[in-house]
Amino acid sequence: MRILNVSISDMEFNNLGIKNENITFTEFIELVRREVMRNNLNNCLALAEKVGLSSMTINEINEINEEIKLVRNAKNRH
């Protein structure tokens, strides 16, 4: 097995939630993957708020879903 030394800032170390300076590569990849997913989720939430999706009611969402179903059904009949 080989050993790989990676240097990261204290901020990155804390942001990734690393508890120990010696972790496996698999653990490191998982921590990075989670951080990327967290960032993507935050970006999605910000975009949803920007375009007004975050303030939609369940009734508005259901109306849109019904409209989509009607259009899809109409296309499938042809």
C-alpha atoms as a PDB file:
ATOM      1  CA  MET A   1       0.000   0.000   0.000  1.00  0.00           C
ATOM      2  CA  ARG A   2       1.239   3.483  -0.805  1.00  0.00           C
ATOM      3  CA  ILE A   3       0.924   6.577   1.338  1.00  0.00           C
ATOM      4  CA  LEU A   4      -0.205   9.853  -0.201  1.00  0.00           C
ATOM      5  CA  ASN A   5       0.239  13.136   1.632  1.00  0.00           C
ATOM      6  CA  VAL A   6      -2.277  15.855   0.800  1.00  0.00           C
ATOM      7  CA  SER A   7      -1.986  19.404   2.098  1.00  0.00           C
ATOM      8  CA  ILE A   8      -5.182  21.349   2.704  1.00  0.00           C
ATOM      9  CA  SER A   9      -5.927  24.525   4.582  1.00  0.00           C
ATOM     10  CA  ASP A  10      -7.315  24.504   8.122  1.00  0.00           C
ATOM     11  CA  MET A  11     -10.558  25.902   6.732  1.00  0.00           C
ATOM     12  CA  GLU A  12     -10.889  23.052   4.220  1.00  0.00           C
ATOM     13  CA  PHE A  13      -9.968  20.550   6.942  1.00  0.00           C
ATOM     14  CA  ASN A  14     -12.775  21.883   9.146  1.00  0.00           C
ATOM     15  CA  ASN A  15     -15.272  22.237   6.274  1.00  0.00           C
ATOM     16  CA  LEU A  16     -14.783  18.602   5.331  1.00  0.00           C
ATOM     17  CA  GLY A  17     -15.340  17.539   8.934  1.00  0.00           C
ATOM     18  CA  ILE A  18     -12.091  15.607   9.097  1.00  0.00           C
ATOM     19  CA  LYS A  19     -11.572  14.284  12.617  1.00  0.00           C
ATOM     20  CA  ASN A  20      -8.141  12.721  12.197  1.00  0.00           C
ATOM     21  CA  GLU A  21      -5.119  13.666  10.099  1.00  0.00           C
ATOM     22  CA  ASN A  22      -4.669  10.050   9.022  1.00  0.00           C
ATOM     23  CA  ILE A  23      -7.651   8.793   7.042  1.00  0.00           C
ATOM     24  CA  THR A  24      -8.024   6.336   4.228  1.00  0.00           C
ATOM     25  CA  PHE A  25      -8.340   7.505   0.661  1.00  0.00           C
ATOM     26  CA  THR A  26     -11.871   6.081   0.574  1.00  0.00           C
ATOM     27  CA  GLU A  27     -12.816   8.134   3.644  1.00  0.00           C
ATOM     28  CA  PHE A  28     -11.307  11.245   2.074  1.00  0.00           C
ATOM     29  CA  ILE A  29     -13.205  10.725  -1.182  1.00  0.00           C
ATOM     30  CA  GLU A  30     -16.450  10.236   0.768  1.00  0.00           C
ATOM     31  CA  LEU A  31     -15.904  13.467   2.716  1.00  0.00           C
ATOM     32  CA  VAL A  32     -15.194  15.390  -0.488  1.00  0.00           C
ATOM     33  CA  ARG A  33     -18.228  13.816  -2.182  1.00  0.00           C
ATOM     34  CA  ARG A  34     -20.461  14.913   0.693  1.00  0.00           C
ATOM     35  CA  GLU A  35     -19.088  18.446   0.579  1.00  0.00           C
ATOM     36  CA  VAL A  36     -19.718  18.658  -3.171  1.00  0.00           C
ATOM     37  CA  MET A  37     -23.287  17.391  -2.661  1.00  0.00           C
ATOM     38  CA  ARG A  38     -23.832  19.911   0.147  1.00  0.00           C
ATOM     39  CA  ASN A  39     -22.610  22.738  -2.100  1.00  0.00           C
ATOM     40  CA  ASN A  40     -24.822  21.571  -4.965  1.00  0.00           C
ATOM     41  CA  LEU A  41     -27.840  21.405  -2.669  1.00  0.00           C
ATOM     42  CA  ASN A  42     -27.172  24.927  -1.414  1.00  0.00           C
ATOM     43  CA  ASN A  43     -26.874  26.147  -5.014  1.00  0.00           C
ATOM     44  CA  CYS A  44     -30.183  24.463  -5.898  1.00  0.00           C
ATOM     45  CA  LEU A  45     -31.903  26.037  -2.904  1.00  0.00           C
ATOM     46  CA  ALA A  46     -30.548  29.479  -3.799  1.00  0.00           C
ATOM     47  CA  LEU A  47     -31.707  29.077  -7.404  1.00  0.00           C
ATOM     48  CA  ALA A  48     -35.155  27.874  -6.302  1.00  0.00           C
ATOM     49  CA  GLU A  49     -35.487  30.919  -4.072  1.00  0.00           C
ATOM     50  CA  LYS A  50     -34.250  33.237  -6.824  1.00  0.00           C
ATOM     51  CA  VAL A  51     -36.874  32.061  -9.329  1.00  0.00           C
ATOM     52  CA  GLY A  52     -39.679  31.753  -6.777  1.00  0.00           C
ATOM     53  CA  LEU A  53     -39.975  27.976  -6.561  1.00  0.00           C
ATOM     54  CA  SER A  54     -39.279  27.928  -2.845  1.00  0.00           C
ATOM     55  CA  SER A  55     -42.380  30.003  -2.121  1.00  0.00           C
ATOM     56  CA  MET A  56     -44.804  27.865  -4.129  1.00  0.00           C
ATOM     57  CA  THR A  57     -47.665  26.202  -2.306  1.00  0.00           C
ATOM     58  CA  ILE A  58     -48.514  22.523  -2.606  1.00  0.00           C
ATOM     59  CA  ASN A  59     -51.660  23.484  -4.546  1.00  0.00           C
ATOM     60  CA  GLU A  60     -49.608  25.438  -7.093  1.00  0.00           C
ATOM     61  CA  ILE A  61     -47.232  22.496  -7.498  1.00  0.00           C
ATOM     62  CA  ASN A  62     -50.167  20.091  -7.903  1.00  0.00           C
ATOM     63  CA  GLU A  63     -51.711  22.345 -10.562  1.00  0.00           C
ATOM     64  CA  ILE A  64     -48.457  22.327 -12.523  1.00  0.00           C
ATOM     65  CA  ASN A  65     -48.202  18.538 -12.181  1.00  0.00           C
ATOM     66  CA  GLU A  66     -51.756  18.115 -13.485  1.00  0.00           C
ATOM     67  CA  GLU A  67     -51.025  20.371 -16.444  1.00  0.00           C
ATOM     68  CA  ILE A  68     -47.928  18.313 -17.243  1.00  0.00           C
ATOM     69  CA  LYS A  69     -49.969  15.095 -17.087  1.00  0.00           C
ATOM     70  CA  LEU A  70     -52.577  16.548 -19.466  1.00  0.00           C
ATOM     71  CA  VAL A  71     -49.912  17.562 -21.984  1.00  0.00           C
ATOM     72  CA  ARG A  72     -48.185  14.169 -21.787  1.00  0.00           C
ATOM     73  CA  ASN A  73     -51.467  12.307 -22.180  1.00  0.00           C
ATOM     74  CA  ALA A  74     -52.373  14.454 -25.191  1.00  0.00           C
ATOM     75  CA  LYS A  75     -49.005  13.674 -26.807  1.00  0.00           C
ATOM     76  CA  ASN A  76     -49.389   9.948 -26.136  1.00  0.00           C
ATOM     77  CA  ARG A  77     -52.796   9.848 -27.891  1.00  0.00           C
ATOM     78  CA  HIS A  78     -51.310  10.993 -31.207  1.00  0.00           C
END
